[in-house]
């Protein structure tokens, strides 16, 4: 047993003796002493747990506040769209492809806007199955994508049409807004933890 463990045991013994000695001085019954002692043990355990995991509880509280009390990660100010930085370090937006809802990762490192096959199917996109596919490097390796086009895309107050895209069934449900979308904007920038898109 190291000195630190010994000090912890002594601290716990003193913490337990304090309420017990007060109860014994008042000549409380054994049943009452046991109930009070159990109550004190619960109080100490809860207090110790709250103190030991205070950072985790704070993180959970912030997450609940952001996701439940303030679920929106994007807001429109006039024609500008402000997108808050997500906890995973990325900028995510919700939009509509031909009136079908879709969630996008904004990626200035991606040349083309990329859709998962299920979202493309829901939006009613026709995929070019005859032209050879495009090999794309992703975080999960190289994937083959097929060409298509979005006739109407809305992201907040921003609308665009006839946007070339590629579609793949190996994107794990992730849709990406690439530079061919961002280059159509008047400007886009990151400031104060938000990405600001201006049409």
C-alpha atoms as a PDB file:
ATOM      1  CA  UNK A   1       0.000   0.000   0.000  1.00  0.00           C
ATOM      2  CA  UNK A   2       1.462   3.337  -1.006  1.00  0.00           C
ATOM      3  CA  UNK A   3       1.158   6.493   1.154  1.00  0.00           C
ATOM      4  CA  UNK A   4      -1.521   7.950  -1.084  1.00  0.00           C
ATOM      5  CA  UNK A   5      -3.777   4.889  -0.646  1.00  0.00           C
ATOM      6  CA  UNK A   6      -3.192   4.976   3.119  1.00  0.00           C
ATOM      7  CA  UNK A   7      -4.191   8.630   3.235  1.00  0.00           C
ATOM      8  CA  UNK A   8      -7.360   7.866   1.285  1.00  0.00           C
ATOM      9  CA  UNK A   9      -8.350   5.096   3.719  1.00  0.00           C
ATOM     10  CA  UNK A  10      -7.740   7.366   6.726  1.00  0.00           C
ATOM     11  CA  UNK A  11      -9.825  10.108   5.090  1.00  0.00           C
ATOM     12  CA  UNK A  12     -12.737   7.721   4.520  1.00  0.00           C
ATOM     13  CA  UNK A  13     -12.533   6.389   8.100  1.00  0.00           C
ATOM     14  CA  UNK A  14     -12.577   9.907   9.522  1.00  0.00           C
ATOM     15  CA  UNK A  15     -15.443  10.840   7.232  1.00  0.00           C
ATOM     16  CA  UNK A  16     -17.430   7.821   8.471  1.00  0.00           C
ATOM     17  CA  UNK A  17     -16.559   8.333  12.164  1.00  0.00           C
ATOM     18  CA  UNK A  18     -17.733  11.936  12.230  1.00  0.00           C
ATOM     19  CA  UNK A  19     -21.452  11.264  11.688  1.00  0.00           C
ATOM     20  CA  UNK A  20     -21.305   7.991  13.671  1.00  0.00           C
ATOM     21  CA  UNK A  21     -19.819   9.699  16.719  1.00  0.00           C
ATOM     22  CA  UNK A  22     -22.529  12.379  16.580  1.00  0.00           C
ATOM     23  CA  UNK A  23     -25.233   9.708  16.473  1.00  0.00           C
ATOM     24  CA  UNK A  24     -23.726   7.685  19.311  1.00  0.00           C
ATOM     25  CA  UNK A  25     -23.522  10.777  21.502  1.00  0.00           C
ATOM     26  CA  UNK A  26     -27.275  11.220  21.035  1.00  0.00           C
ATOM     27  CA  UNK A  27     -27.892   7.525  21.958  1.00  0.00           C
ATOM     28  CA  UNK A  28     -29.808   6.754  18.778  1.00  0.00           C
ATOM     29  CA  UNK A  29     -30.942   3.121  18.266  1.00  0.00           C
ATOM     30  CA  UNK A  30     -28.800   0.760  16.220  1.00  0.00           C
ATOM     31  CA  UNK A  31     -31.433   0.704  13.473  1.00  0.00           C
ATOM     32  CA  UNK A  32     -31.431   4.498  13.349  1.00  0.00           C
ATOM     33  CA  UNK A  33     -27.616   4.570  13.321  1.00  0.00           C
ATOM     34  CA  UNK A  34     -27.531   2.086  10.430  1.00  0.00           C
ATOM     35  CA  UNK A  35     -30.060   4.092   8.432  1.00  0.00           C
ATOM     36  CA  UNK A  36     -28.207   7.365   9.041  1.00  0.00           C
ATOM     37  CA  UNK A  37     -24.848   5.751   8.241  1.00  0.00           C
ATOM     38  CA  UNK A  38     -26.221   4.387   4.979  1.00  0.00           C
ATOM     39  CA  UNK A  39     -27.565   7.839   4.161  1.00  0.00           C
ATOM     40  CA  UNK A  40     -24.166   9.411   4.765  1.00  0.00           C
ATOM     41  CA  UNK A  41     -22.452   6.741   2.647  1.00  0.00           C
ATOM     42  CA  UNK A  42     -24.836   7.502  -0.231  1.00  0.00           C
ATOM     43  CA  UNK A  43     -24.206  11.241   0.148  1.00  0.00           C
ATOM     44  CA  UNK A  44     -20.418  10.755   0.127  1.00  0.00           C
ATOM     45  CA  UNK A  45     -20.533   8.390  -2.861  1.00  0.00           C
ATOM     46  CA  UNK A  46     -22.725  10.786  -4.875  1.00  0.00           C
ATOM     47  CA  UNK A  47     -20.543  13.774  -3.959  1.00  0.00           C
ATOM     48  CA  UNK A  48     -17.370  11.864  -4.845  1.00  0.00           C
ATOM     49  CA  UNK A  49     -18.880  10.726  -8.152  1.00  0.00           C
ATOM     50  CA  UNK A  50     -19.955  14.260  -9.067  1.00  0.00           C
ATOM     51  CA  UNK A  51     -16.512  15.610  -8.227  1.00  0.00           C
ATOM     52  CA  UNK A  52     -14.598  12.817  -9.998  1.00  0.00           C
ATOM     53  CA  UNK A  53     -16.643  13.011 -13.206  1.00  0.00           C
ATOM     54  CA  UNK A  54     -17.343  16.755 -13.202  1.00  0.00           C
ATOM     55  CA  UNK A  55     -15.723  17.236 -16.631  1.00  0.00           C
ATOM     56  CA  UNK A  56     -17.848  14.468 -18.166  1.00  0.00           C
ATOM     57  CA  UNK A  57     -21.033  15.892 -16.615  1.00  0.00           C
ATOM     58  CA  UNK A  58     -20.139  19.354 -17.925  1.00  0.00           C
ATOM     59  CA  UNK A  59     -19.585  17.940 -21.409  1.00  0.00           C
ATOM     60  CA  UNK A  60     -22.921  16.107 -21.293  1.00  0.00           C
ATOM     61  CA  UNK A  61     -24.710  19.248 -20.113  1.00  0.00           C
ATOM     62  CA  UNK A  62     -23.212  21.302 -22.960  1.00  0.00           C
ATOM     63  CA  UNK A  63     -24.166  18.603 -25.468  1.00  0.00           C
ATOM     64  CA  UNK A  64     -27.752  18.527 -24.180  1.00  0.00           C
ATOM     65  CA  UNK A  65     -27.922  22.317 -24.312  1.00  0.00           C
ATOM     66  CA  UNK A  66     -26.698  22.396 -27.903  1.00  0.00           C
ATOM     67  CA  UNK A  67     -28.701  19.460 -29.218  1.00  0.00           C
ATOM     68  CA  UNK A  68     -31.934  19.713 -27.225  1.00  0.00           C
ATOM     69  CA  UNK A  69     -32.322  23.333 -26.175  1.00  0.00           C
ATOM     70  CA  UNK A  70     -30.638  24.724 -29.286  1.00  0.00           C
ATOM     71  CA  UNK A  71     -30.823  21.953 -31.910  1.00  0.00           C
ATOM     72  CA  UNK A  72     -30.186  24.195 -34.907  1.00  0.00           C
ATOM     73  CA  UNK A  73     -26.624  24.201 -36.237  1.00  0.00           C
ATOM     74  CA  UNK A  74     -27.426  26.708 -38.962  1.00  0.00           C
ATOM     75  CA  UNK A  75     -29.247  29.987 -39.147  1.00  0.00           C
ATOM     76  CA  UNK A  76     -30.066  32.402 -41.907  1.00  0.00           C
ATOM     77  CA  UNK A  77     -29.385  36.135 -41.639  1.00  0.00           C
ATOM     78  CA  UNK A  78     -30.908  37.658 -44.732  1.00  0.00           C
ATOM     79  CA  UNK A  79     -29.342  35.827 -47.663  1.00  0.00           C
ATOM     80  CA  UNK A  80     -26.359  34.648 -45.626  1.00  0.00           C
ATOM     81  CA  UNK A  81     -26.222  31.224 -44.013  1.00  0.00           C
ATOM     82  CA  UNK A  82     -24.281  30.786 -40.752  1.00  0.00           C
ATOM     83  CA  UNK A  83     -23.224  27.218 -39.979  1.00  0.00           C
ATOM     84  CA  UNK A  84     -21.939  26.409 -36.487  1.00  0.00           C
ATOM     85  CA  UNK A  85     -18.887  24.180 -36.067  1.00  0.00           C
ATOM     86  CA  UNK A  86     -20.011  20.725 -34.966  1.00  0.00           C
ATOM     87  CA  UNK A  87     -18.500  18.829 -32.041  1.00  0.00           C
ATOM     88  CA  UNK A  88     -16.715  16.543 -34.521  1.00  0.00           C
ATOM     89  CA  UNK A  89     -14.835  19.552 -35.919  1.00  0.00           C
ATOM     90  CA  UNK A  90     -16.791  19.718 -39.190  1.00  0.00           C
ATOM     91  CA  UNK A  91     -19.461  21.975 -40.652  1.00  0.00           C
ATOM     92  CA  UNK A  92     -22.742  20.171 -41.350  1.00  0.00           C
ATOM     93  CA  UNK A  93     -25.818  21.639 -43.051  1.00  0.00           C
ATOM     94  CA  UNK A  94     -29.256  20.372 -43.910  1.00  0.00           C
ATOM     95  CA  UNK A  95     -30.730  21.102 -47.277  1.00  0.00           C
ATOM     96  CA  UNK A  96     -33.087  19.818 -49.925  1.00  0.00           C
ATOM     97  CA  UNK A  97     -32.280  18.097 -53.216  1.00  0.00           C
ATOM     98  CA  UNK A  98     -35.262  18.378 -55.563  1.00  0.00           C
ATOM     99  CA  UNK A  99     -37.391  18.787 -52.380  1.00  0.00           C
ATOM    100  CA  UNK A 100     -35.910  15.664 -50.734  1.00  0.00           C
ATOM    101  CA  UNK A 101     -34.174  16.360 -47.375  1.00  0.00           C
ATOM    102  CA  UNK A 102     -30.442  15.717 -47.113  1.00  0.00           C
ATOM    103  CA  UNK A 103     -27.620  16.400 -44.664  1.00  0.00           C
ATOM    104  CA  UNK A 104     -24.267  17.564 -46.018  1.00  0.00           C
ATOM    105  CA  UNK A 105     -20.701  17.854 -44.822  1.00  0.00           C
ATOM    106  CA  UNK A 106     -19.131  21.050 -46.197  1.00  0.00           C
ATOM    107  CA  UNK A 107     -15.691  20.123 -47.505  1.00  0.00           C
ATOM    108  CA  UNK A 108     -13.590  22.718 -49.312  1.00  0.00           C
ATOM    109  CA  UNK A 109     -11.047  19.970 -50.016  1.00  0.00           C
ATOM    110  CA  UNK A 110     -13.533  18.062 -52.180  1.00  0.00           C
ATOM    111  CA  UNK A 111     -13.648  19.060 -55.840  1.00  0.00           C
ATOM    112  CA  UNK A 112     -17.154  17.758 -56.504  1.00  0.00           C
ATOM    113  CA  UNK A 113     -20.365  17.539 -54.528  1.00  0.00           C
ATOM    114  CA  UNK A 114     -20.865  13.894 -53.641  1.00  0.00           C
ATOM    115  CA  UNK A 115     -24.044  12.019 -52.691  1.00  0.00           C
ATOM    116  CA  UNK A 116     -24.691   8.632 -51.182  1.00  0.00           C
ATOM    117  CA  UNK A 117     -26.796   6.382 -53.391  1.00  0.00           C
ATOM    118  CA  UNK A 118     -29.768   6.281 -50.995  1.00  0.00           C
ATOM    119  CA  UNK A 119     -30.067  10.106 -50.944  1.00  0.00           C
ATOM    120  CA  UNK A 120     -29.723  10.226 -54.748  1.00  0.00           C
ATOM    121  CA  UNK A 121     -32.481   7.636 -55.012  1.00  0.00           C
ATOM    122  CA  UNK A 122     -34.796   9.574 -52.649  1.00  0.00           C
ATOM    123  CA  UNK A 123     -34.190  12.750 -54.667  1.00  0.00           C
ATOM    124  CA  UNK A 124     -35.050  10.931 -57.902  1.00  0.00           C
ATOM    125  CA  UNK A 125     -31.688  11.542 -59.546  1.00  0.00           C
ATOM    126  CA  UNK A 126     -30.796   9.643 -62.679  1.00  0.00           C
ATOM    127  CA  UNK A 127     -27.287   8.223 -62.503  1.00  0.00           C
ATOM    128  CA  UNK A 128     -25.182   7.787 -65.634  1.00  0.00           C
ATOM    129  CA  UNK A 129     -24.555   4.053 -65.653  1.00  0.00           C
ATOM    130  CA  UNK A 130     -22.869   3.943 -69.060  1.00  0.00           C
ATOM    131  CA  UNK A 131     -19.983   6.382 -68.598  1.00  0.00           C
ATOM    132  CA  UNK A 132     -17.018   4.906 -66.695  1.00  0.00           C
ATOM    133  CA  UNK A 133     -17.070   5.812 -63.013  1.00  0.00           C
ATOM    134  CA  UNK A 134     -14.772   8.294 -61.289  1.00  0.00           C
ATOM    135  CA  UNK A 135     -12.215   6.984 -58.807  1.00  0.00           C
ATOM    136  CA  UNK A 136     -12.351   9.127 -55.663  1.00  0.00           C
ATOM    137  CA  UNK A 137     -10.028   9.097 -52.657  1.00  0.00           C
ATOM    138  CA  UNK A 138     -11.977   9.142 -49.369  1.00  0.00           C
ATOM    139  CA  UNK A 139     -11.183   8.543 -45.716  1.00  0.00           C
ATOM    140  CA  UNK A 140     -12.216   4.911 -46.275  1.00  0.00           C
ATOM    141  CA  UNK A 141     -10.049   4.442 -49.354  1.00  0.00           C
ATOM    142  CA  UNK A 142     -10.746   4.724 -53.073  1.00  0.00           C
ATOM    143  CA  UNK A 143     -14.401   4.525 -54.150  1.00  0.00           C
ATOM    144  CA  UNK A 144     -15.954   4.513 -57.608  1.00  0.00           C
ATOM    145  CA  UNK A 145     -18.645   7.143 -58.176  1.00  0.00           C
ATOM    146  CA  UNK A 146     -21.079   7.708 -61.044  1.00  0.00           C
ATOM    147  CA  UNK A 147     -21.956  11.091 -62.566  1.00  0.00           C
ATOM    148  CA  UNK A 148     -25.309  12.784 -62.103  1.00  0.00           C
ATOM    149  CA  UNK A 149     -26.775  16.284 -61.764  1.00  0.00           C
ATOM    150  CA  UNK A 150     -29.034  18.082 -59.280  1.00  0.00           C
ATOM    151  CA  UNK A 151     -31.697  20.204 -60.941  1.00  0.00           C
ATOM    152  CA  UNK A 152     -32.454  22.076 -57.712  1.00  0.00           C
ATOM    153  CA  UNK A 153     -30.474  22.336 -54.460  1.00  0.00           C
ATOM    154  CA  UNK A 154     -31.490  24.496 -51.495  1.00  0.00           C
ATOM    155  CA  UNK A 155     -29.328  25.005 -48.407  1.00  0.00           C
ATOM    156  CA  UNK A 156     -31.022  27.499 -46.127  1.00  0.00           C
ATOM    157  CA  UNK A 157     -31.615  30.677 -48.184  1.00  0.00           C
ATOM    158  CA  UNK A 158     -29.088  29.559 -50.819  1.00  0.00           C
ATOM    159  CA  UNK A 159     -30.452  28.022 -54.007  1.00  0.00           C
ATOM    160  CA  UNK A 160     -28.621  26.644 -57.003  1.00  0.00           C
ATOM    161  CA  UNK A 161     -29.541  24.542 -60.018  1.00  0.00           C
ATOM    162  CA  UNK A 162     -27.957  22.164 -62.510  1.00  0.00           C
ATOM    163  CA  UNK A 163     -25.181  21.238 -60.094  1.00  0.00           C
ATOM    164  CA  UNK A 164     -22.988  18.338 -61.293  1.00  0.00           C
ATOM    165  CA  UNK A 165     -22.563  15.645 -58.627  1.00  0.00           C
ATOM    166  CA  UNK A 166     -21.187  12.152 -58.271  1.00  0.00           C
ATOM    167  CA  UNK A 167     -23.010   9.286 -56.554  1.00  0.00           C
ATOM    168  CA  UNK A 168     -21.566   6.252 -54.794  1.00  0.00           C
ATOM    169  CA  UNK A 169     -22.889   3.409 -52.655  1.00  0.00           C
ATOM    170  CA  UNK A 170     -19.695   3.350 -50.561  1.00  0.00           C
ATOM    171  CA  UNK A 171     -19.952   6.688 -48.760  1.00  0.00           C
ATOM    172  CA  UNK A 172     -21.595   5.331 -45.582  1.00  0.00           C
ATOM    173  CA  UNK A 173     -24.488   7.766 -45.936  1.00  0.00           C
ATOM    174  CA  UNK A 174     -22.268  10.879 -45.973  1.00  0.00           C
ATOM    175  CA  UNK A 175     -23.089  13.597 -48.508  1.00  0.00           C
ATOM    176  CA  UNK A 176     -20.454  16.239 -49.273  1.00  0.00           C
ATOM    177  CA  UNK A 177     -20.842  19.792 -50.553  1.00  0.00           C
ATOM    178  CA  UNK A 178     -17.651  20.327 -52.517  1.00  0.00           C
ATOM    179  CA  UNK A 179     -15.929  23.220 -54.242  1.00  0.00           C
ATOM    180  CA  UNK A 180     -18.193  23.094 -57.294  1.00  0.00           C
ATOM    181  CA  UNK A 181     -20.968  24.261 -54.927  1.00  0.00           C
ATOM    182  CA  UNK A 182     -18.839  26.691 -52.879  1.00  0.00           C
ATOM    183  CA  UNK A 183     -17.410  28.312 -56.033  1.00  0.00           C
ATOM    184  CA  UNK A 184     -20.926  29.419 -56.993  1.00  0.00           C
ATOM    185  CA  UNK A 185     -21.184  31.559 -53.872  1.00  0.00           C
ATOM    186  CA  UNK A 186     -20.229  35.207 -53.649  1.00  0.00           C
ATOM    187  CA  UNK A 187     -18.076  34.295 -50.641  1.00  0.00           C
ATOM    188  CA  UNK A 188     -17.582  31.727 -47.912  1.00  0.00           C
ATOM    189  CA  UNK A 189     -15.439  32.094 -44.822  1.00  0.00           C
ATOM    190  CA  UNK A 190     -14.974  30.874 -41.259  1.00  0.00           C
ATOM    191  CA  UNK A 191     -15.246  33.344 -38.399  1.00  0.00           C
ATOM    192  CA  UNK A 192     -15.912  32.893 -34.665  1.00  0.00           C
ATOM    193  CA  UNK A 193     -16.485  29.161 -34.999  1.00  0.00           C
ATOM    194  CA  UNK A 194     -19.001  29.562 -37.816  1.00  0.00           C
ATOM    195  CA  UNK A 195     -18.866  29.149 -41.560  1.00  0.00           C
ATOM    196  CA  UNK A 196     -20.618  31.999 -43.344  1.00  0.00           C
ATOM    197  CA  UNK A 197     -21.975  31.268 -46.822  1.00  0.00           C
ATOM    198  CA  UNK A 198     -23.076  34.225 -48.932  1.00  0.00           C
ATOM    199  CA  UNK A 199     -24.855  33.678 -52.264  1.00  0.00           C
END
